[in-house]
Amino acid sequence: MAGKVIVCSNIDDWNQYKPKEKVLAFFTAPWSGQAHKIAPIVRDLAREYPHVNVVQLDLRQFELTAKEYNVNSAPTLLFMKGGKTVDKVETSRPYQLYDKMDILFAQ
């Protein structure tokens, strides 16, 4: 699903995408105004970087996964390669996301 945000609805979905070469994991929560604020930017990133699997995970459904990756708030974005976290952003500064994508996931 290149070019789109993939919404993980269960652990099997996550396990399918987690080991991919380039993954941006977007941890969100319905009560997080900041997560809602950057959601359109995350969608734009998915379109601009179609070679990256952009996946969205709801903290309520993925509580254990969040703990595994030390995700304590929404929004949190994990930049992953081959199943390993290479960077983490706990902010809503959009320019920072574009910069990180360019640095970490350049084709």
C-alpha atoms as a PDB file:
ATOM      1  CA  MET A   1       0.000   0.000   0.000  1.00  0.00           C
ATOM      2  CA  ALA A   2       2.663   2.416  -1.030  1.00  0.00           C
ATOM      3  CA  GLY A   3       1.640   6.023  -0.734  1.00  0.00           C
ATOM      4  CA  LYS A   4      -0.969   5.475   1.971  1.00  0.00           C
ATOM      5  CA  VAL A   5      -1.019   5.243   5.740  1.00  0.00           C
ATOM      6  CA  ILE A   6      -1.636   1.648   6.739  1.00  0.00           C
ATOM      7  CA  VAL A   7      -3.848   1.415   9.827  1.00  0.00           C
ATOM      8  CA  CYS A   8      -2.864  -1.616  11.890  1.00  0.00           C
ATOM      9  CA  SER A   9      -5.915  -3.085  13.542  1.00  0.00           C
ATOM     10  CA  ASN A  10      -4.233  -6.018  15.285  1.00  0.00           C
ATOM     11  CA  ILE A  11      -0.837  -7.442  16.170  1.00  0.00           C
ATOM     12  CA  ASP A  12      -0.759  -9.587  13.028  1.00  0.00           C
ATOM     13  CA  ASP A  13      -0.963  -6.438  10.899  1.00  0.00           C
ATOM     14  CA  TRP A  14       1.925  -4.912  12.828  1.00  0.00           C
ATOM     15  CA  ASN A  15       4.014  -8.087  12.593  1.00  0.00           C
ATOM     16  CA  GLN A  16       3.542  -8.043   8.819  1.00  0.00           C
ATOM     17  CA  TYR A  17       5.019  -4.546   8.427  1.00  0.00           C
ATOM     18  CA  LYS A  18       7.476  -4.303  11.335  1.00  0.00           C
ATOM     19  CA  PRO A  19      10.299  -6.289   9.683  1.00  0.00           C
ATOM     20  CA  LYS A  20      10.143  -4.370   6.388  1.00  0.00           C
ATOM     21  CA  GLU A  21      13.233  -2.451   5.291  1.00  0.00           C
ATOM     22  CA  LYS A  22      11.743   1.031   5.807  1.00  0.00           C
ATOM     23  CA  VAL A  23       8.911   1.689   8.255  1.00  0.00           C
ATOM     24  CA  LEU A  24       7.528   4.833   9.848  1.00  0.00           C
ATOM     25  CA  ALA A  25       5.348   3.791  12.805  1.00  0.00           C
ATOM     26  CA  PHE A  26       2.913   6.516  13.864  1.00  0.00           C
ATOM     27  CA  PHE A  27       1.591   5.926  17.397  1.00  0.00           C
ATOM     28  CA  THR A  28      -1.576   7.900  17.964  1.00  0.00           C
ATOM     29  CA  ALA A  29      -4.519   8.111  20.350  1.00  0.00           C
ATOM     30  CA  PRO A  30      -8.026   9.518  19.954  1.00  0.00           C
ATOM     31  CA  TRP A  31      -7.549  11.872  22.909  1.00  0.00           C
ATOM     32  CA  SER A  32      -4.327  13.377  21.527  1.00  0.00           C
ATOM     33  CA  GLY A  33      -4.935  16.720  19.860  1.00  0.00           C
ATOM     34  CA  GLN A  34      -1.314  16.836  18.692  1.00  0.00           C
ATOM     35  CA  ALA A  35      -1.646  13.426  17.019  1.00  0.00           C
ATOM     36  CA  HIS A  36      -4.740  14.640  15.161  1.00  0.00           C
ATOM     37  CA  LYS A  37      -2.864  17.801  14.203  1.00  0.00           C
ATOM     38  CA  ILE A  38       0.009  15.960  12.517  1.00  0.00           C
ATOM     39  CA  ALA A  39      -2.079  13.154  10.960  1.00  0.00           C
ATOM     40  CA  PRO A  40      -2.405  15.056   7.641  1.00  0.00           C
ATOM     41  CA  ILE A  41       1.370  15.525   7.608  1.00  0.00           C
ATOM     42  CA  VAL A  42       1.893  11.802   8.153  1.00  0.00           C
ATOM     43  CA  ARG A  43      -0.468  11.151   5.206  1.00  0.00           C
ATOM     44  CA  ASP A  44       1.611  13.555   3.112  1.00  0.00           C
ATOM     45  CA  LEU A  45       4.790  11.733   4.125  1.00  0.00           C
ATOM     46  CA  ALA A  46       3.241   8.437   2.993  1.00  0.00           C
ATOM     47  CA  ARG A  47       2.516   9.960  -0.418  1.00  0.00           C
ATOM     48  CA  GLU A  48       5.905  11.641  -0.764  1.00  0.00           C
ATOM     49  CA  TYR A  49       7.862   8.563   0.334  1.00  0.00           C
ATOM     50  CA  PRO A  50       6.001   5.637  -1.291  1.00  0.00           C
ATOM     51  CA  HIS A  51       9.002   3.343  -0.697  1.00  0.00           C
ATOM     52  CA  VAL A  52       8.420   3.648   3.083  1.00  0.00           C
ATOM     53  CA  ASN A  53       5.694   1.664   4.852  1.00  0.00           C
ATOM     54  CA  VAL A  54       3.856   4.246   6.963  1.00  0.00           C
ATOM     55  CA  VAL A  55       1.794   2.461   9.600  1.00  0.00           C
ATOM     56  CA  GLN A  56      -0.540   3.880  12.244  1.00  0.00           C
ATOM     57  CA  LEU A  57      -0.987   2.231  15.619  1.00  0.00           C
ATOM     58  CA  ASP A  58      -3.538   3.231  18.258  1.00  0.00           C
ATOM     59  CA  LEU A  59      -1.968   3.255  21.719  1.00  0.00           C
ATOM     60  CA  ARG A  60      -5.113   1.677  23.209  1.00  0.00           C
ATOM     61  CA  GLN A  61      -4.866  -1.375  20.960  1.00  0.00           C
ATOM     62  CA  PHE A  62      -1.073  -1.620  20.943  1.00  0.00           C
ATOM     63  CA  GLU A  63      -0.262  -1.000  24.583  1.00  0.00           C
ATOM     64  CA  LEU A  64       2.263  -3.849  24.803  1.00  0.00           C
ATOM     65  CA  THR A  65       3.913  -2.819  21.539  1.00  0.00           C
ATOM     66  CA  ALA A  66       4.168   0.743  22.830  1.00  0.00           C
ATOM     67  CA  LYS A  67       5.841  -0.503  26.008  1.00  0.00           C
ATOM     68  CA  GLU A  68       8.222  -2.661  23.976  1.00  0.00           C
ATOM     69  CA  TYR A  69       9.394   0.426  22.061  1.00  0.00           C
ATOM     70  CA  ASN A  70       9.239   2.775  25.059  1.00  0.00           C
ATOM     71  CA  VAL A  71       6.418   4.829  23.544  1.00  0.00           C
ATOM     72  CA  ASN A  72       4.827   6.848  26.335  1.00  0.00           C
ATOM     73  CA  SER A  73       2.819   9.497  24.515  1.00  0.00           C
ATOM     74  CA  ALA A  74       0.999  10.329  21.336  1.00  0.00           C
ATOM     75  CA  PRO A  75       2.102  11.322  18.852  1.00  0.00           C
ATOM     76  CA  THR A  76       5.276   9.281  18.731  1.00  0.00           C
ATOM     77  CA  LEU A  77       6.902   8.289  15.468  1.00  0.00           C
ATOM     78  CA  LEU A  78       9.405   5.460  15.173  1.00  0.00           C
ATOM     79  CA  PHE A  79      11.701   5.351  12.179  1.00  0.00           C
ATOM     80  CA  MET A  80      12.567   1.696  11.619  1.00  0.00           C
ATOM     81  CA  LYS A  81      14.794  -0.325   9.322  1.00  0.00           C
ATOM     82  CA  GLY A  82      14.569  -4.087   9.177  1.00  0.00           C
ATOM     83  CA  GLY A  83      12.531  -4.255  12.386  1.00  0.00           C
ATOM     84  CA  LYS A  84      14.908  -2.094  14.417  1.00  0.00           C
ATOM     85  CA  THR A  85      14.271   1.456  15.578  1.00  0.00           C
ATOM     86  CA  VAL A  86      16.834   3.886  14.167  1.00  0.00           C
ATOM     87  CA  ASP A  87      15.208   7.071  15.430  1.00  0.00           C
ATOM     88  CA  LYS A  88      12.249   8.259  17.477  1.00  0.00           C
ATOM     89  CA  VAL A  89      10.330  11.539  17.485  1.00  0.00           C
ATOM     90  CA  GLU A  90       7.949  12.545  20.265  1.00  0.00           C
ATOM     91  CA  THR A  91       6.902  15.871  18.882  1.00  0.00           C
ATOM     92  CA  SER A  92       4.575  17.504  16.443  1.00  0.00           C
ATOM     93  CA  ARG A  93       7.072  19.697  14.614  1.00  0.00           C
ATOM     94  CA  PRO A  94       6.360  18.843  10.966  1.00  0.00           C
ATOM     95  CA  TYR A  95       9.642  20.116   9.534  1.00  0.00           C
ATOM     96  CA  GLN A  96      11.509  17.706  11.765  1.00  0.00           C
ATOM     97  CA  LEU A  97       9.598  14.756  10.261  1.00  0.00           C
ATOM     98  CA  TYR A  98      10.473  15.700   6.688  1.00  0.00           C
ATOM     99  CA  ASP A  99      14.127  16.172   7.624  1.00  0.00           C
ATOM    100  CA  LYS A 100      14.286  12.775   9.330  1.00  0.00           C
ATOM    101  CA  MET A 101      12.602  11.058   6.365  1.00  0.00           C
ATOM    102  CA  ASP A 102      15.170  12.593   4.014  1.00  0.00           C
ATOM    103  CA  ILE A 103      18.090  11.561   6.204  1.00  0.00           C
ATOM    104  CA  LEU A 104      16.951   8.061   7.177  1.00  0.00           C
ATOM    105  CA  PHE A 105      14.934   6.870   4.205  1.00  0.00           C
ATOM    106  CA  ALA A 106      16.583   8.424   1.170  1.00  0.00           C
ATOM    107  CA  GLN A 107      16.209   6.154  -1.840  1.00  0.00           C
END
